[in-house]
Amino acid sequence: MNTFIAILRGINVSGQKIIIMDLLRNLFENTGFFNVRTYIQSGSVLFWVRKQIQKNWNN
């Protein structure tokens, strides 16, 4: 199991391009990641990946 951080730029800046963190977290969870956490309203996401899934990224 490995830990990753996604840092999305331009999220929730000056009230534009608003993304609800609950929806962003659900998107990551539905993709197969787990223990997904978002950091305030910044668009930064901390998540864990099982090595099985990570191996598929190389193919």
N, C-alpha and C. Protein backbone atom coordinates (compact mmCIF):
# COMPACT_ATOMS: atom_id res chain seq x y z
N MET A 1 0.84 -1.16 0.00
CA MET A 1 0.00 0.00 0.00
C MET A 1 0.89 1.24 0.00
N ASN A 2 0.58 2.17 -0.91
CA ASN A 2 1.35 3.41 -1.01
C ASN A 2 0.43 4.61 -0.84
N THR A 3 1.01 5.69 -0.36
CA THR A 3 0.29 6.93 -0.16
C THR A 3 0.64 7.91 -1.27
N PHE A 4 -0.37 8.60 -1.79
CA PHE A 4 -0.16 9.59 -2.83
C PHE A 4 -0.86 10.88 -2.45
N ILE A 5 -0.40 11.98 -3.05
CA ILE A 5 -1.03 13.27 -2.89
C ILE A 5 -1.28 13.85 -4.28
N ALA A 6 -2.52 14.25 -4.53
CA ALA A 6 -2.86 14.94 -5.78
C ALA A 6 -3.04 16.41 -5.43
N ILE A 7 -2.33 17.27 -6.13
CA ILE A 7 -2.44 18.71 -5.90
C ILE A 7 -3.03 19.32 -7.17
N LEU A 8 -4.29 19.69 -7.10
CA LEU A 8 -5.00 20.23 -8.25
C LEU A 8 -4.92 21.75 -8.22
N ARG A 9 -4.49 22.34 -9.31
CA ARG A 9 -4.33 23.81 -9.38
C ARG A 9 -5.62 24.48 -9.80
N GLY A 10 -5.80 25.70 -9.34
CA GLY A 10 -6.92 26.51 -9.78
C GLY A 10 -8.26 26.09 -9.22
N ILE A 11 -8.26 25.39 -8.11
CA ILE A 11 -9.51 24.93 -7.50
C ILE A 11 -9.96 25.93 -6.46
N ASN A 12 -11.21 26.36 -6.56
CA ASN A 12 -11.84 27.25 -5.58
C ASN A 12 -11.06 28.55 -5.36
N VAL A 13 -10.51 29.10 -6.42
CA VAL A 13 -9.77 30.36 -6.32
C VAL A 13 -10.74 31.52 -6.57
N SER A 14 -10.80 32.44 -5.65
CA SER A 14 -11.65 33.63 -5.76
C SER A 14 -13.11 33.29 -6.05
N GLY A 15 -13.56 32.15 -5.57
CA GLY A 15 -14.96 31.77 -5.77
C GLY A 15 -15.27 31.29 -7.18
N GLN A 16 -14.25 31.07 -7.99
CA GLN A 16 -14.44 30.58 -9.36
C GLN A 16 -14.01 29.12 -9.43
N LYS A 17 -14.55 28.41 -10.38
CA LYS A 17 -14.21 26.99 -10.58
C LYS A 17 -14.38 26.21 -9.28
N ILE A 18 -15.51 26.41 -8.63
CA ILE A 18 -15.75 25.78 -7.32
C ILE A 18 -15.99 24.29 -7.49
N ILE A 19 -15.28 23.52 -6.71
CA ILE A 19 -15.46 22.08 -6.66
C ILE A 19 -15.72 21.70 -5.21
N ILE A 20 -16.79 20.99 -4.99
CA ILE A 20 -17.15 20.58 -3.64
C ILE A 20 -16.25 19.40 -3.24
N MET A 21 -15.58 19.53 -2.12
CA MET A 21 -14.59 18.54 -1.70
C MET A 21 -15.22 17.17 -1.47
N ASP A 22 -16.47 17.10 -1.01
CA ASP A 22 -17.13 15.81 -0.85
C ASP A 22 -17.25 15.09 -2.19
N LEU A 23 -17.57 15.83 -3.24
CA LEU A 23 -17.69 15.23 -4.57
C LEU A 23 -16.33 14.79 -5.09
N LEU A 24 -15.31 15.59 -4.84
CA LEU A 24 -13.95 15.23 -5.26
C LEU A 24 -13.49 13.97 -4.54
N ARG A 25 -13.75 13.91 -3.24
CA ARG A 25 -13.38 12.72 -2.45
C ARG A 25 -14.13 11.49 -2.97
N ASN A 26 -15.42 11.63 -3.25
CA ASN A 26 -16.20 10.51 -3.79
C ASN A 26 -15.67 10.05 -5.13
N LEU A 27 -15.23 10.97 -5.96
CA LEU A 27 -14.65 10.62 -7.26
C LEU A 27 -13.43 9.73 -7.08
N PHE A 28 -12.54 10.10 -6.15
CA PHE A 28 -11.35 9.30 -5.89
C PHE A 28 -11.72 7.93 -5.32
N GLU A 29 -12.68 7.90 -4.41
CA GLU A 29 -13.10 6.62 -3.81
C GLU A 29 -13.73 5.71 -4.85
N ASN A 30 -14.54 6.26 -5.74
CA ASN A 30 -15.19 5.46 -6.78
C ASN A 30 -14.20 4.98 -7.82
N THR A 31 -13.03 5.60 -7.89
CA THR A 31 -11.98 5.18 -8.81
C THR A 31 -11.20 3.99 -8.25
N GLY A 32 -11.37 3.71 -6.95
CA GLY A 32 -10.70 2.55 -6.36
C GLY A 32 -9.67 2.89 -5.30
N PHE A 33 -9.48 4.16 -5.02
CA PHE A 33 -8.56 4.57 -3.98
C PHE A 33 -9.27 4.49 -2.63
N PHE A 34 -8.53 4.47 -1.56
CA PHE A 34 -9.16 4.39 -0.24
C PHE A 34 -8.47 5.31 0.74
N ASN A 35 -9.13 5.50 1.90
CA ASN A 35 -8.68 6.47 2.91
C ASN A 35 -8.45 7.84 2.28
N VAL A 36 -9.36 8.23 1.41
CA VAL A 36 -9.25 9.50 0.69
C VAL A 36 -9.59 10.64 1.63
N ARG A 37 -8.72 11.65 1.63
CA ARG A 37 -8.93 12.85 2.45
C ARG A 37 -8.63 14.08 1.61
N THR A 38 -9.43 15.11 1.80
CA THR A 38 -9.15 16.37 1.14
C THR A 38 -8.68 17.37 2.18
N TYR A 39 -7.90 18.34 1.72
CA TYR A 39 -7.38 19.35 2.62
C TYR A 39 -8.11 20.66 2.37
N ILE A 40 -8.80 21.12 3.35
CA ILE A 40 -9.67 22.30 3.30
C ILE A 40 -10.35 22.40 1.93
N GLN A 41 -10.40 23.56 1.32
CA GLN A 41 -11.03 23.73 0.00
C GLN A 41 -9.97 23.95 -1.08
N SER A 42 -8.79 23.36 -0.88
CA SER A 42 -7.65 23.65 -1.75
C SER A 42 -7.59 22.79 -3.00
N GLY A 43 -8.29 21.67 -3.03
CA GLY A 43 -8.15 20.75 -4.15
C GLY A 43 -7.03 19.74 -3.93
N SER A 44 -6.38 19.78 -2.78
CA SER A 44 -5.35 18.79 -2.47
C SER A 44 -6.01 17.54 -1.90
N VAL A 45 -5.58 16.38 -2.40
CA VAL A 45 -6.20 15.12 -2.01
C VAL A 45 -5.11 14.14 -1.58
N LEU A 46 -5.28 13.57 -0.42
CA LEU A 46 -4.39 12.53 0.10
C LEU A 46 -5.13 11.21 -0.03
N PHE A 47 -4.48 10.19 -0.61
CA PHE A 47 -5.16 8.91 -0.80
C PHE A 47 -4.17 7.76 -0.82
N TRP A 48 -4.67 6.58 -0.56
CA TRP A 48 -3.87 5.37 -0.55
C TRP A 48 -4.25 4.48 -1.73
N VAL A 49 -3.26 3.74 -2.22
CA VAL A 49 -3.45 2.86 -3.36
C VAL A 49 -2.89 1.49 -3.01
N ARG A 50 -3.67 0.47 -3.29
CA ARG A 50 -3.18 -0.89 -3.12
C ARG A 50 -2.16 -1.19 -4.22
N LYS A 51 -1.14 -1.95 -3.89
CA LYS A 51 -0.09 -2.23 -4.86
C LYS A 51 -0.64 -2.93 -6.09
N GLN A 52 -1.71 -3.72 -5.93
CA GLN A 52 -2.33 -4.41 -7.05
C GLN A 52 -2.79 -3.41 -8.11
N ILE A 53 -3.44 -2.35 -7.68
CA ILE A 53 -3.93 -1.33 -8.60
C ILE A 53 -2.75 -0.57 -9.20
N GLN A 54 -1.76 -0.29 -8.41
CA GLN A 54 -0.60 0.47 -8.88
C GLN A 54 0.15 -0.29 -9.95
N LYS A 55 0.21 -1.60 -9.86
CA LYS A 55 0.88 -2.40 -10.89
C LYS A 55 0.20 -2.23 -12.25
N ASN A 56 -1.13 -2.06 -12.25
CA ASN A 56 -1.87 -1.88 -13.49
C ASN A 56 -1.54 -0.56 -14.17
N TRP A 57 -1.04 0.44 -13.42
CA TRP A 57 -0.70 1.72 -14.02
C TRP A 57 0.45 1.59 -15.00
N ASN A 58 1.31 0.62 -14.77
CA ASN A 58 2.49 0.45 -15.63
C ASN A 58 2.17 -0.26 -16.93
N ASN A 59 0.98 -0.83 -17.05
CA ASN A 59 0.61 -1.58 -18.27
C ASN A 59 -0.17 -0.73 -19.23
